[in-house]
Amino acid sequence: MGSQSTKIVRTSKMASSADVQLFIKKAVTDNKVVVFSKSYCPYCTMAKEVFQKVKQPMTVIELDERDDGAVIQETLAQMTGFRTVPQVFINGNCVGGGTDVKALHSSGKLEPMLIG
């Protein structure tokens, strides 16, 4: 699955909700795995640990470490229908949160998703 690498994205506040939507869409389109996370969240840690275990590089966007984190989280809620973190995207598709990623891994369904 390639070398293990985590890219953490921290940037300043975006100007508009359209900018936030564009940022989210670009992040999930340009990266195989994106985890919208909060650094203190145990479910976020659970998801990130699964990807580390399978040596899958991921882009982590720590919402609590960004000035615009709340706006990103609200925009994600509008896009996905839920506002909890983590929100994990694989190949541009939201696959859920930490327990969902763990269940996909336990059932053997995660690795095929990472290959495609």
PDB file of N, CA and C in Angstrom:
ATOM      1  N   MET A   1       0.811  -1.189   0.000  1.00  0.00           N
ATOM      2  CA  MET A   1       0.000   0.000   0.000  1.00  0.00           C
ATOM      3  C   MET A   1       0.853   1.252   0.000  1.00  0.00           C
ATOM      4  N   GLY A   2       2.124   1.112  -0.275  1.00  0.00           N
ATOM      5  CA  GLY A   2       2.977   2.294  -0.318  1.00  0.00           C
ATOM      6  C   GLY A   2       3.571   2.597   1.030  1.00  0.00           C
ATOM      7  N   SER A   3       4.376   3.624   1.060  1.00  0.00           N
ATOM      8  CA  SER A   3       5.011   4.000   2.309  1.00  0.00           C
ATOM      9  C   SER A   3       4.003   4.695   3.203  1.00  0.00           C
ATOM     10  N   GLN A   4       4.221   4.529   4.504  1.00  0.00           N
ATOM     11  CA  GLN A   4       3.319   5.127   5.476  1.00  0.00           C
ATOM     12  C   GLN A   4       3.651   6.597   5.621  1.00  0.00           C
ATOM     13  N   SER A   5       2.645   7.425   5.434  1.00  0.00           N
ATOM     14  CA  SER A   5       2.853   8.855   5.485  1.00  0.00           C
ATOM     15  C   SER A   5       1.554   9.516   5.880  1.00  0.00           C
ATOM     16  N   THR A   6       1.655  10.514   6.722  1.00  0.00           N
ATOM     17  CA  THR A   6       0.486  11.276   7.115  1.00  0.00           C
ATOM     18  C   THR A   6       0.760  12.728   6.819  1.00  0.00           C
ATOM     19  N   LYS A   7      -0.149  13.333   6.076  1.00  0.00           N
ATOM     20  CA  LYS A   7      -0.046  14.754   5.777  1.00  0.00           C
ATOM     21  C   LYS A   7      -1.101  15.460   6.623  1.00  0.00           C
ATOM     22  N   ILE A   8      -0.677  16.395   7.430  1.00  0.00           N
ATOM     23  CA  ILE A   8      -1.600  17.159   8.257  1.00  0.00           C
ATOM     24  C   ILE A   8      -1.750  18.537   7.638  1.00  0.00           C
ATOM     25  N   VAL A   9      -3.000  18.920   7.408  1.00  0.00           N
ATOM     26  CA  VAL A   9      -3.286  20.183   6.735  1.00  0.00           C
ATOM     27  C   VAL A   9      -3.729  21.214   7.763  1.00  0.00           C
ATOM     28  N   ARG A  10      -2.993  22.312   7.856  1.00  0.00           N
ATOM     29  CA  ARG A  10      -3.358  23.427   8.726  1.00  0.00           C
ATOM     30  C   ARG A  10      -3.212  24.702   7.917  1.00  0.00           C
ATOM     31  N   THR A  11      -4.314  25.371   7.691  1.00  0.00           N
ATOM     32  CA  THR A  11      -4.257  26.645   6.984  1.00  0.00           C
ATOM     33  C   THR A  11      -5.157  27.644   7.673  1.00  0.00           C
ATOM     34  N   SER A  12      -5.100  28.874   7.231  1.00  0.00           N
ATOM     35  CA  SER A  12      -5.880  29.933   7.862  1.00  0.00           C
ATOM     36  C   SER A  12      -7.332  29.909   7.396  1.00  0.00           C
ATOM     37  N   LYS A  13      -8.102  30.774   7.979  1.00  0.00           N
ATOM     38  CA  LYS A  13      -9.538  30.851   7.737  1.00  0.00           C
ATOM     39  C   LYS A  13      -9.850  31.152   6.269  1.00  0.00           C
ATOM     40  N   MET A  14     -10.837  30.444   5.743  1.00  0.00           N
ATOM     41  CA  MET A  14     -11.268  30.663   4.368  1.00  0.00           C
ATOM     42  C   MET A  14     -12.346  31.738   4.329  1.00  0.00           C
ATOM     43  N   ALA A  15     -12.492  32.362   3.177  1.00  0.00           N
ATOM     44  CA  ALA A  15     -13.339  33.547   3.051  1.00  0.00           C
ATOM     45  C   ALA A  15     -14.834  33.249   3.058  1.00  0.00           C
ATOM     46  N   SER A  16     -15.270  32.165   2.434  1.00  0.00           N
ATOM     47  CA  SER A  16     -16.706  31.943   2.294  1.00  0.00           C
ATOM     48  C   SER A  16     -17.033  30.464   2.371  1.00  0.00           C
ATOM     49  N   SER A  17     -18.333  30.163   2.492  1.00  0.00           N
ATOM     50  CA  SER A  17     -18.742  28.765   2.524  1.00  0.00           C
ATOM     51  C   SER A  17     -18.439  28.079   1.194  1.00  0.00           C
ATOM     52  N   ALA A  18     -18.471  28.829   0.100  1.00  0.00           N
ATOM     53  CA  ALA A  18     -18.094  28.256  -1.196  1.00  0.00           C
ATOM     54  C   ALA A  18     -16.626  27.853  -1.190  1.00  0.00           C
ATOM     55  N   ASP A  19     -15.774  28.681  -0.558  1.00  0.00           N
ATOM     56  CA  ASP A  19     -14.358  28.336  -0.427  1.00  0.00           C
ATOM     57  C   ASP A  19     -14.189  27.064   0.396  1.00  0.00           C
ATOM     58  N   VAL A  20     -14.978  26.926   1.456  1.00  0.00           N
ATOM     59  CA  VAL A  20     -14.890  25.746   2.324  1.00  0.00           C
ATOM     60  C   VAL A  20     -15.318  24.504   1.550  1.00  0.00           C
ATOM     61  N   GLN A  21     -16.421  24.595   0.824  1.00  0.00           N
ATOM     62  CA  GLN A  21     -16.866  23.454   0.016  1.00  0.00           C
ATOM     63  C   GLN A  21     -15.808  23.062  -1.007  1.00  0.00           C
ATOM     64  N   LEU A  22     -15.210  24.042  -1.643  1.00  0.00           N
ATOM     65  CA  LEU A  22     -14.156  23.776  -2.621  1.00  0.00           C
ATOM     66  C   LEU A  22     -12.956  23.111  -1.949  1.00  0.00           C
ATOM     67  N   PHE A  23     -12.567  23.597  -0.762  1.00  0.00           N
ATOM     68  CA  PHE A  23     -11.461  23.011  -0.007  1.00  0.00           C
ATOM     69  C   PHE A  23     -11.740  21.540   0.293  1.00  0.00           C
ATOM     70  N   ILE A  24     -12.949  21.245   0.789  1.00  0.00           N
ATOM     71  CA  ILE A  24     -13.311  19.864   1.132  1.00  0.00           C
ATOM     72  C   ILE A  24     -13.290  18.994  -0.121  1.00  0.00           C
ATOM     73  N   LYS A  25     -13.932  19.451  -1.177  1.00  0.00           N
ATOM     74  CA  LYS A  25     -13.994  18.662  -2.413  1.00  0.00           C
ATOM     75  C   LYS A  25     -12.607  18.419  -2.986  1.00  0.00           C
ATOM     76  N   LYS A  26     -11.756  19.432  -2.948  1.00  0.00           N
ATOM     77  CA  LYS A  26     -10.385  19.279  -3.450  1.00  0.00           C
ATOM     78  C   LYS A  26      -9.611  18.286  -2.590  1.00  0.00           C
ATOM     79  N   ALA A  27      -9.759  18.386  -1.269  1.00  0.00           N
ATOM     80  CA  ALA A  27      -9.051  17.475  -0.361  1.00  0.00           C
ATOM     81  C   ALA A  27      -9.447  16.029  -0.624  1.00  0.00           C
ATOM     82  N   VAL A  28     -10.744  15.760  -0.748  1.00  0.00           N
ATOM     83  CA  VAL A  28     -11.178  14.371  -0.911  1.00  0.00           C
ATOM     84  C   VAL A  28     -10.962  13.858  -2.331  1.00  0.00           C
ATOM     85  N   THR A  29     -10.829  14.757  -3.297  1.00  0.00           N
ATOM     86  CA  THR A  29     -10.546  14.355  -4.675  1.00  0.00           C
ATOM     87  C   THR A  29      -9.056  14.104  -4.887  1.00  0.00           C
ATOM     88  N   ASP A  30      -8.224  14.931  -4.265  1.00  0.00           N
ATOM     89  CA  ASP A  30      -6.777  14.868  -4.492  1.00  0.00           C
ATOM     90  C   ASP A  30      -6.060  13.826  -3.640  1.00  0.00           C
ATOM     91  N   ASN A  31      -6.739  13.239  -2.652  1.00  0.00           N
ATOM     92  CA  ASN A  31      -6.100  12.310  -1.717  1.00  0.00           C
ATOM     93  C   ASN A  31      -6.921  11.035  -1.603  1.00  0.00           C
ATOM     94  N   LYS A  32      -6.241   9.892  -1.598  1.00  0.00           N
ATOM     95  CA  LYS A  32      -6.939   8.609  -1.477  1.00  0.00           C
ATOM     96  C   LYS A  32      -7.706   8.520  -0.166  1.00  0.00           C
ATOM     97  N   VAL A  33      -7.076   8.917   0.944  1.00  0.00           N
ATOM     98  CA  VAL A  33      -7.718   8.850   2.265  1.00  0.00           C
ATOM     99  C   VAL A  33      -7.613  10.209   2.934  1.00  0.00           C
ATOM    100  N   VAL A  34      -8.762  10.730   3.369  1.00  0.00           N
ATOM    101  CA  VAL A  34      -8.806  11.986   4.114  1.00  0.00           C
ATOM    102  C   VAL A  34      -9.592  11.740   5.392  1.00  0.00           C
ATOM    103  N   VAL A  35      -9.010  12.176   6.515  1.00  0.00           N
ATOM    104  CA  VAL A  35      -9.677  12.065   7.808  1.00  0.00           C
ATOM    105  C   VAL A  35      -9.885  13.473   8.353  1.00  0.00           C
ATOM    106  N   PHE A  36     -11.147  13.901   8.423  1.00  0.00           N
ATOM    107  CA  PHE A  36     -11.486  15.150   9.097  1.00  0.00           C
ATOM    108  C   PHE A  36     -11.636  14.778  10.559  1.00  0.00           C
ATOM    109  N   SER A  37     -10.794  15.350  11.402  1.00  0.00           N
ATOM    110  CA  SER A  37     -10.558  14.855  12.748  1.00  0.00           C
ATOM    111  C   SER A  37     -10.506  15.995  13.751  1.00  0.00           C
ATOM    112  N   LYS A  38     -10.514  15.623  15.021  1.00  0.00           N
ATOM    113  CA  LYS A  38     -10.138  16.535  16.101  1.00  0.00           C
ATOM    114  C   LYS A  38      -9.073  15.808  16.912  1.00  0.00           C
ATOM    115  N   SER A  39      -8.036  16.517  17.269  1.00  0.00           N
ATOM    116  CA  SER A  39      -6.847  15.888  17.846  1.00  0.00           C
ATOM    117  C   SER A  39      -7.121  15.155  19.152  1.00  0.00           C
ATOM    118  N   TYR A  40      -8.140  15.537  19.888  1.00  0.00           N
ATOM    119  CA  TYR A  40      -8.432  14.944  21.195  1.00  0.00           C
ATOM    120  C   TYR A  40      -9.497  13.848  21.129  1.00  0.00           C
ATOM    121  N   CYS A  41     -10.020  13.567  19.959  1.00  0.00           N
ATOM    122  CA  CYS A  41     -11.157  12.658  19.797  1.00  0.00           C
ATOM    123  C   CYS A  41     -10.704  11.197  19.730  1.00  0.00           C
ATOM    124  N   PRO A  42     -11.194  10.340  20.638  1.00  0.00           N
ATOM    125  CA  PRO A  42     -10.775   8.932  20.611  1.00  0.00           C
ATOM    126  C   PRO A  42     -11.240   8.180  19.362  1.00  0.00           C
ATOM    127  N   TYR A  43     -12.386   8.531  18.816  1.00  0.00           N
ATOM    128  CA  TYR A  43     -12.852   7.868  17.596  1.00  0.00           C
ATOM    129  C   TYR A  43     -12.005   8.266  16.392  1.00  0.00           C
ATOM    130  N   CYS A  44     -11.516   9.498  16.415  1.00  0.00           N
ATOM    131  CA  CYS A  44     -10.600   9.958  15.364  1.00  0.00           C
ATOM    132  C   CYS A  44      -9.290   9.186  15.444  1.00  0.00           C
ATOM    133  N   THR A  45      -8.791   9.030  16.665  1.00  0.00           N
ATOM    134  CA  THR A  45      -7.568   8.253  16.880  1.00  0.00           C
ATOM    135  C   THR A  45      -7.761   6.826  16.389  1.00  0.00           C
ATOM    136  N   MET A  46      -8.931   6.250  16.669  1.00  0.00           N
ATOM    137  CA  MET A  46      -9.240   4.889  16.228  1.00  0.00           C
ATOM    138  C   MET A  46      -9.117   4.780  14.705  1.00  0.00           C
ATOM    139  N   ALA A  47      -9.708   5.712  13.993  1.00  0.00           N
ATOM    140  CA  ALA A  47      -9.655   5.674  12.525  1.00  0.00           C
ATOM    141  C   ALA A  47      -8.221   5.824  12.030  1.00  0.00           C
ATOM    142  N   LYS A  48      -7.494   6.797  12.576  1.00  0.00           N
ATOM    143  CA  LYS A  48      -6.113   7.034  12.131  1.00  0.00           C
ATOM    144  C   LYS A  48      -5.234   5.819  12.420  1.00  0.00           C
ATOM    145  N   GLU A  49      -5.457   5.159  13.560  1.00  0.00           N
ATOM    146  CA  GLU A  49      -4.650   3.981  13.904  1.00  0.00           C
ATOM    147  C   GLU A  49      -4.893   2.830  12.931  1.00  0.00           C
ATOM    148  N   VAL A  50      -6.128   2.675  12.464  1.00  0.00           N
ATOM    149  CA  VAL A  50      -6.408   1.618  11.482  1.00  0.00           C
ATOM    150  C   VAL A  50      -5.593   1.858  10.212  1.00  0.00           C
ATOM    151  N   PHE A  51      -5.583   3.090   9.724  1.00  0.00           N
ATOM    152  CA  PHE A  51      -4.822   3.382   8.501  1.00  0.00           C
ATOM    153  C   PHE A  51      -3.319   3.233   8.736  1.00  0.00           C
ATOM    154  N   GLN A  52      -2.848   3.599   9.915  1.00  0.00           N
ATOM    155  CA  GLN A  52      -1.433   3.396  10.237  1.00  0.00           C
ATOM    156  C   GLN A  52      -1.111   1.909  10.270  1.00  0.00           C
ATOM    157  N   LYS A  53      -2.017   1.104  10.819  1.00  0.00           N
ATOM    158  CA  LYS A  53      -1.805  -0.342  10.920  1.00  0.00           C
ATOM    159  C   LYS A  53      -1.658  -0.981   9.539  1.00  0.00           C
ATOM    160  N   VAL A  54      -2.462  -0.523   8.582  1.00  0.00           N
ATOM    161  CA  VAL A  54      -2.381  -1.095   7.231  1.00  0.00           C
ATOM    162  C   VAL A  54      -1.405  -0.328   6.337  1.00  0.00           C
ATOM    163  N   LYS A  55      -0.658   0.584   6.961  1.00  0.00           N
ATOM    164  CA  LYS A  55       0.373   1.371   6.276  1.00  0.00           C
ATOM    165  C   LYS A  55      -0.190   2.166   5.092  1.00  0.00           C
ATOM    166  N   GLN A  56      -1.360   2.750   5.308  1.00  0.00           N
ATOM    167  CA  GLN A  56      -2.001   3.561   4.273  1.00  0.00           C
ATOM    168  C   GLN A  56      -1.750   5.038   4.537  1.00  0.00           C
ATOM    169  N   PRO A  57      -1.071   5.721   3.624  1.00  0.00           N
ATOM    170  CA  PRO A  57      -0.914   7.169   3.781  1.00  0.00           C
ATOM    171  C   PRO A  57      -2.284   7.847   3.828  1.00  0.00           C
ATOM    172  N   MET A  58      -2.370   8.911   4.603  1.00  0.00           N
ATOM    173  CA  MET A  58      -3.636   9.627   4.732  1.00  0.00           C
ATOM    174  C   MET A  58      -3.371  11.106   4.904  1.00  0.00           C
ATOM    175  N   THR A  59      -4.366  11.891   4.567  1.00  0.00           N
ATOM    176  CA  THR A  59      -4.346  13.319   4.844  1.00  0.00           C
ATOM    177  C   THR A  59      -5.270  13.541   6.027  1.00  0.00           C
ATOM    178  N   VAL A  60      -4.737  14.138   7.080  1.00  0.00           N
ATOM    179  CA  VAL A  60      -5.510  14.395   8.294  1.00  0.00           C
ATOM    180  C   VAL A  60      -5.736  15.896   8.404  1.00  0.00           C
ATOM    181  N   ILE A  61      -6.987  16.280   8.564  1.00  0.00           N
ATOM    182  CA  ILE A  61      -7.339  17.682   8.746  1.00  0.00           C
ATOM    183  C   ILE A  61      -7.905  17.813  10.149  1.00  0.00           C
ATOM    184  N   GLU A  62      -7.074  18.339  11.061  1.00  0.00           N
ATOM    185  CA  GLU A  62      -7.448  18.474  12.477  1.00  0.00           C
ATOM    186  C   GLU A  62      -8.273  19.749  12.643  1.00  0.00           C
ATOM    187  N   LEU A  63      -9.567  19.591  12.747  1.00  0.00           N
ATOM    188  CA  LEU A  63     -10.473  20.738  12.783  1.00  0.00           C
ATOM    189  C   LEU A  63     -10.261  21.622  14.002  1.00  0.00           C
ATOM    190  N   ASP A  64      -9.858  21.031  15.121  1.00  0.00           N
ATOM    191  CA  ASP A  64      -9.664  21.826  16.346  1.00  0.00           C
ATOM    192  C   ASP A  64      -8.377  22.642  16.314  1.00  0.00           C
ATOM    193  N   GLU A  65      -7.547  22.420  15.318  1.00  0.00           N
ATOM    194  CA  GLU A  65      -6.290  23.155  15.202  1.00  0.00           C
ATOM    195  C   GLU A  65      -6.344  24.198  14.086  1.00  0.00           C
ATOM    196  N   ARG A  66      -7.535  24.441  13.559  1.00  0.00           N
ATOM    197  CA  ARG A  66      -7.724  25.395  12.462  1.00  0.00           C
ATOM    198  C   ARG A  66      -8.686  26.489  12.898  1.00  0.00           C
ATOM    199  N   ASP A  67      -8.437  27.699  12.438  1.00  0.00           N
ATOM    200  CA  ASP A  67      -9.352  28.808  12.717  1.00  0.00           C
ATOM    201  C   ASP A  67     -10.726  28.573  12.101  1.00  0.00           C
ATOM    202  N   ASP A  68     -10.761  27.874  10.974  1.00  0.00           N
ATOM    203  CA  ASP A  68     -12.020  27.645  10.268  1.00  0.00           C
ATOM    204  C   ASP A  68     -12.570  26.237  10.481  1.00  0.00           C
ATOM    205  N   GLY A  69     -12.099  25.557  11.522  1.00  0.00           N
ATOM    206  CA  GLY A  69     -12.521  24.183  11.781  1.00  0.00           C
ATOM    207  C   GLY A  69     -14.016  24.021  11.976  1.00  0.00           C
ATOM    208  N   ALA A  70     -14.639  24.947  12.711  1.00  0.00           N
ATOM    209  CA  ALA A  70     -16.083  24.859  12.951  1.00  0.00           C
ATOM    210  C   ALA A  70     -16.867  25.024  11.651  1.00  0.00           C
ATOM    211  N   VAL A  71     -16.397  25.905  10.781  1.00  0.00           N
ATOM    212  CA  VAL A  71     -17.062  26.123   9.489  1.00  0.00           C
ATOM    213  C   VAL A  71     -16.908  24.881   8.612  1.00  0.00           C
ATOM    214  N   ILE A  72     -15.732  24.283   8.627  1.00  0.00           N
ATOM    215  CA  ILE A  72     -15.513  23.052   7.859  1.00  0.00           C
ATOM    216  C   ILE A  72     -16.430  21.955   8.384  1.00  0.00           C
ATOM    217  N   GLN A  73     -16.529  21.823   9.708  1.00  0.00           N
ATOM    218  CA  GLN A  73     -17.375  20.779  10.286  1.00  0.00           C
ATOM    219  C   GLN A  73     -18.845  20.999   9.921  1.00  0.00           C
ATOM    220  N   GLU A  74     -19.299  22.224   9.964  1.00  0.00           N
ATOM    221  CA  GLU A  74     -20.689  22.530   9.589  1.00  0.00           C
ATOM    222  C   GLU A  74     -20.932  22.230   8.110  1.00  0.00           C
ATOM    223  N   THR A  75     -19.973  22.561   7.265  1.00  0.00           N
ATOM    224  CA  THR A  75     -20.109  22.288   5.833  1.00  0.00           C
ATOM    225  C   THR A  75     -20.108  20.785   5.573  1.00  0.00           C
ATOM    226  N   LEU A  76     -19.256  20.044   6.279  1.00  0.00           N
ATOM    227  CA  LEU A  76     -19.268  18.582   6.165  1.00  0.00           C
ATOM    228  C   LEU A  76     -20.626  18.024   6.561  1.00  0.00           C
ATOM    229  N   ALA A  77     -21.221  18.575   7.621  1.00  0.00           N
ATOM    230  CA  ALA A  77     -22.539  18.119   8.071  1.00  0.00           C
ATOM    231  C   ALA A  77     -23.582  18.317   6.974  1.00  0.00           C
ATOM    232  N   GLN A  78     -23.498  19.442   6.293  1.00  0.00           N
ATOM    233  CA  GLN A  78     -24.434  19.707   5.192  1.00  0.00           C
ATOM    234  C   GLN A  78     -24.197  18.744   4.027  1.00  0.00           C
ATOM    235  N   MET A  79     -22.940  18.378   3.807  1.00  0.00           N
ATOM    236  CA  MET A  79     -22.599  17.514   2.673  1.00  0.00           C
ATOM    237  C   MET A  79     -22.885  16.041   2.948  1.00  0.00           C
ATOM    238  N   THR A  80     -22.653  15.595   4.197  1.00  0.00           N
ATOM    239  CA  THR A  80     -22.738  14.165   4.507  1.00  0.00           C
ATOM    240  C   THR A  80     -23.960  13.784   5.327  1.00  0.00           C
ATOM    241  N   GLY A  81     -24.568  14.768   5.982  1.00  0.00           N
ATOM    242  CA  GLY A  81     -25.734  14.474   6.807  1.00  0.00           C
ATOM    243  C   GLY A  81     -25.419  14.188   8.260  1.00  0.00           C
ATOM    244  N   PHE A  82     -24.137  14.207   8.621  1.00  0.00           N
ATOM    245  CA  PHE A  82     -23.803  14.068  10.041  1.00  0.00           C
ATOM    246  C   PHE A  82     -22.657  14.992  10.394  1.00  0.00           C
ATOM    247  N   ARG A  83     -22.657  15.439  11.660  1.00  0.00           N
ATOM    248  CA  ARG A  83     -21.682  16.449  12.050  1.00  0.00           C
ATOM    249  C   ARG A  83     -20.603  15.920  12.993  1.00  0.00           C
ATOM    250  N   THR A  84     -20.628  14.638  13.295  1.00  0.00           N
ATOM    251  CA  THR A  84     -19.631  14.081  14.196  1.00  0.00           C
ATOM    252  C   THR A  84     -18.298  13.899  13.476  1.00  0.00           C
ATOM    253  N   VAL A  85     -17.240  13.771  14.255  1.00  0.00           N
ATOM    254  CA  VAL A  85     -15.925  13.437  13.724  1.00  0.00           C
ATOM    255  C   VAL A  85     -15.495  12.118  14.349  1.00  0.00           C
ATOM    256  N   PRO A  86     -14.659  11.391  13.624  1.00  0.00           N
ATOM    257  CA  PRO A  86     -14.087  11.736  12.334  1.00  0.00           C
ATOM    258  C   PRO A  86     -15.092  11.534  11.201  1.00  0.00           C
ATOM    259  N   GLN A  87     -14.794  12.189  10.117  1.00  0.00           N
ATOM    260  CA  GLN A  87     -15.457  11.889   8.853  1.00  0.00           C
ATOM    261  C   GLN A  87     -14.344  11.450   7.916  1.00  0.00           C
ATOM    262  N   VAL A  88     -14.445  10.207   7.490  1.00  0.00           N
ATOM    263  CA  VAL A  88     -13.382   9.582   6.710  1.00  0.00           C
ATOM    264  C   VAL A  88     -13.850   9.410   5.267  1.00  0.00           C
ATOM    265  N   PHE A  89     -13.000   9.851   4.353  1.00  0.00           N
ATOM    266  CA  PHE A  89     -13.267   9.713   2.926  1.00  0.00           C
ATOM    267  C   PHE A  89     -12.197   8.821   2.311  1.00  0.00           C
ATOM    268  N   ILE A  90     -12.640   7.855   1.511  1.00  0.00           N
ATOM    269  CA  ILE A  90     -11.736   6.994   0.749  1.00  0.00           C
ATOM    270  C   ILE A  90     -12.137   7.118  -0.718  1.00  0.00           C
ATOM    271  N   ASN A  91     -11.171   7.460  -1.554  1.00  0.00           N
ATOM    272  CA  ASN A  91     -11.430   7.632  -2.993  1.00  0.00           C
ATOM    273  C   ASN A  91     -12.611   8.566  -3.247  1.00  0.00           C
ATOM    274  N   GLY A  92     -12.700   9.638  -2.452  1.00  0.00           N
ATOM    275  CA  GLY A  92     -13.734  10.644  -2.661  1.00  0.00           C
ATOM    276  C   GLY A  92     -15.079  10.344  -2.044  1.00  0.00           C
ATOM    277  N   ASN A  93     -15.222   9.172  -1.420  1.00  0.00           N
ATOM    278  CA  ASN A  93     -16.502   8.775  -0.832  1.00  0.00           C
ATOM    279  C   ASN A  93     -16.417   8.745   0.684  1.00  0.00           C
ATOM    280  N   CYS A  94     -17.429   9.294   1.341  1.00  0.00           N
ATOM    281  CA  CYS A  94     -17.473   9.251   2.800  1.00  0.00           C
ATOM    282  C   CYS A  94     -17.839   7.834   3.225  1.00  0.00           C
ATOM    283  N   VAL A  95     -16.984   7.227   4.057  1.00  0.00           N
ATOM    284  CA  VAL A  95     -17.234   5.865   4.530  1.00  0.00           C
ATOM    285  C   VAL A  95     -17.673   5.845   5.984  1.00  0.00           C
ATOM    286  N   GLY A  96     -17.782   7.024   6.614  1.00  0.00           N
ATOM    287  CA  GLY A  96     -18.262   7.091   7.989  1.00  0.00           C
ATOM    288  C   GLY A  96     -17.204   7.577   8.945  1.00  0.00           C
ATOM    289  N   GLY A  97     -17.267   7.042  10.168  1.00  0.00           N
ATOM    290  CA  GLY A  97     -16.384   7.483  11.232  1.00  0.00           C
ATOM    291  C   GLY A  97     -15.442   6.394  11.701  1.00  0.00           C
ATOM    292  N   GLY A  98     -14.957   6.545  12.928  1.00  0.00           N
ATOM    293  CA  GLY A  98     -13.958   5.640  13.476  1.00  0.00           C
ATOM    294  C   GLY A  98     -14.429   4.206  13.590  1.00  0.00           C
ATOM    295  N   THR A  99     -15.641   4.004  14.125  1.00  0.00           N
ATOM    296  CA  THR A  99     -16.139   2.637  14.267  1.00  0.00           C
ATOM    297  C   THR A  99     -16.434   2.020  12.900  1.00  0.00           C
ATOM    298  N   ASP A 100     -16.836   2.851  11.947  1.00  0.00           N
ATOM    299  CA  ASP A 100     -17.086   2.342  10.591  1.00  0.00           C
ATOM    300  C   ASP A 100     -15.789   1.864   9.944  1.00  0.00           C
ATOM    301  N   VAL A 101     -14.725   2.641  10.086  1.00  0.00           N
ATOM    302  CA  VAL A 101     -13.429   2.265   9.519  1.00  0.00           C
ATOM    303  C   VAL A 101     -12.920   0.993  10.186  1.00  0.00           C
ATOM    304  N   LYS A 102     -13.067   0.914  11.501  1.00  0.00           N
ATOM    305  CA  LYS A 102     -12.626  -0.282  12.224  1.00  0.00           C
ATOM    306  C   LYS A 102     -13.417  -1.508  11.764  1.00  0.00           C
ATOM    307  N   ALA A 103     -14.730  -1.352  11.573  1.00  0.00           N
ATOM    308  CA  ALA A 103     -15.560  -2.466  11.109  1.00  0.00           C
ATOM    309  C   ALA A 103     -15.179  -2.884   9.690  1.00  0.00           C
ATOM    310  N   LEU A 104     -14.916  -1.913   8.818  1.00  0.00           N
ATOM    311  CA  LEU A 104     -14.478  -2.240   7.458  1.00  0.00           C
ATOM    312  C   LEU A 104     -13.182  -3.040   7.490  1.00  0.00           C
ATOM    313  N   HIS A 105     -12.262  -2.635   8.360  1.00  0.00           N
ATOM    314  CA  HIS A 105     -10.984  -3.350   8.475  1.00  0.00           C
ATOM    315  C   HIS A 105     -11.205  -4.758   9.020  1.00  0.00           C
ATOM    316  N   SER A 106     -11.993  -4.873  10.085  1.00  0.00           N
ATOM    317  CA  SER A 106     -12.237  -6.180  10.710  1.00  0.00           C
ATOM    318  C   SER A 106     -12.915  -7.153   9.754  1.00  0.00           C
ATOM    319  N   SER A 107     -13.772  -6.638   8.880  1.00  0.00           N
ATOM    320  CA  SER A 107     -14.506  -7.497   7.943  1.00  0.00           C
ATOM    321  C   SER A 107     -13.714  -7.802   6.669  1.00  0.00           C
ATOM    322  N   GLY A 108     -12.528  -7.183   6.535  1.00  0.00           N
ATOM    323  CA  GLY A 108     -11.718  -7.405   5.346  1.00  0.00           C
ATOM    324  C   GLY A 108     -12.129  -6.559   4.151  1.00  0.00           C
ATOM    325  N   LYS A 109     -13.028  -5.612   4.357  1.00  0.00           N
ATOM    326  CA  LYS A 109     -13.518  -4.783   3.248  1.00  0.00           C
ATOM    327  C   LYS A 109     -12.701  -3.509   3.034  1.00  0.00           C
ATOM    328  N   LEU A 110     -11.871  -3.132   4.010  1.00  0.00           N
ATOM    329  CA  LEU A 110     -11.132  -1.873   3.901  1.00  0.00           C
ATOM    330  C   LEU A 110     -10.026  -1.946   2.852  1.00  0.00           C
ATOM    331  N   GLU A 111      -9.194  -2.977   2.921  1.00  0.00           N
ATOM    332  CA  GLU A 111      -8.043  -3.054   2.035  1.00  0.00           C
ATOM    333  C   GLU A 111      -8.426  -3.018   0.556  1.00  0.00           C
ATOM    334  N   PRO A 112      -9.485  -3.744   0.119  1.00  0.00           N
ATOM    335  CA  PRO A 112      -9.875  -3.621  -1.293  1.00  0.00           C
ATOM    336  C   PRO A 112     -10.285  -2.196  -1.681  1.00  0.00           C
ATOM    337  N   MET A 113     -10.878  -1.464  -0.763  1.00  0.00           N
ATOM    338  CA  MET A 113     -11.251  -0.074  -1.042  1.00  0.00           C
ATOM    339  C   MET A 113     -10.007   0.783  -1.259  1.00  0.00           C
ATOM    340  N   LEU A 114      -8.934   0.461  -0.567  1.00  0.00           N
ATOM    341  CA  LEU A 114      -7.704   1.244  -0.651  1.00  0.00           C
ATOM    342  C   LEU A 114      -6.930   0.948  -1.931  1.00  0.00           C
ATOM    343  N   ILE A 115      -7.146  -0.218  -2.497  1.00  0.00           N
ATOM    344  CA  ILE A 115      -6.466  -0.592  -3.732  1.00  0.00           C
ATOM    345  C   ILE A 115      -7.107   0.113  -4.919  1.00  0.00           C
ATOM    346  N   GLY A 116      -8.432   0.242  -4.889  1.00  0.00           N
ATOM    347  CA  GLY A 116      -9.174   0.825  -6.017  1.00  0.00           C
ATOM    348  C   GLY A 116      -9.053   2.302  -6.127  1.00  0.00           C
TER     349      GLY A 116
END
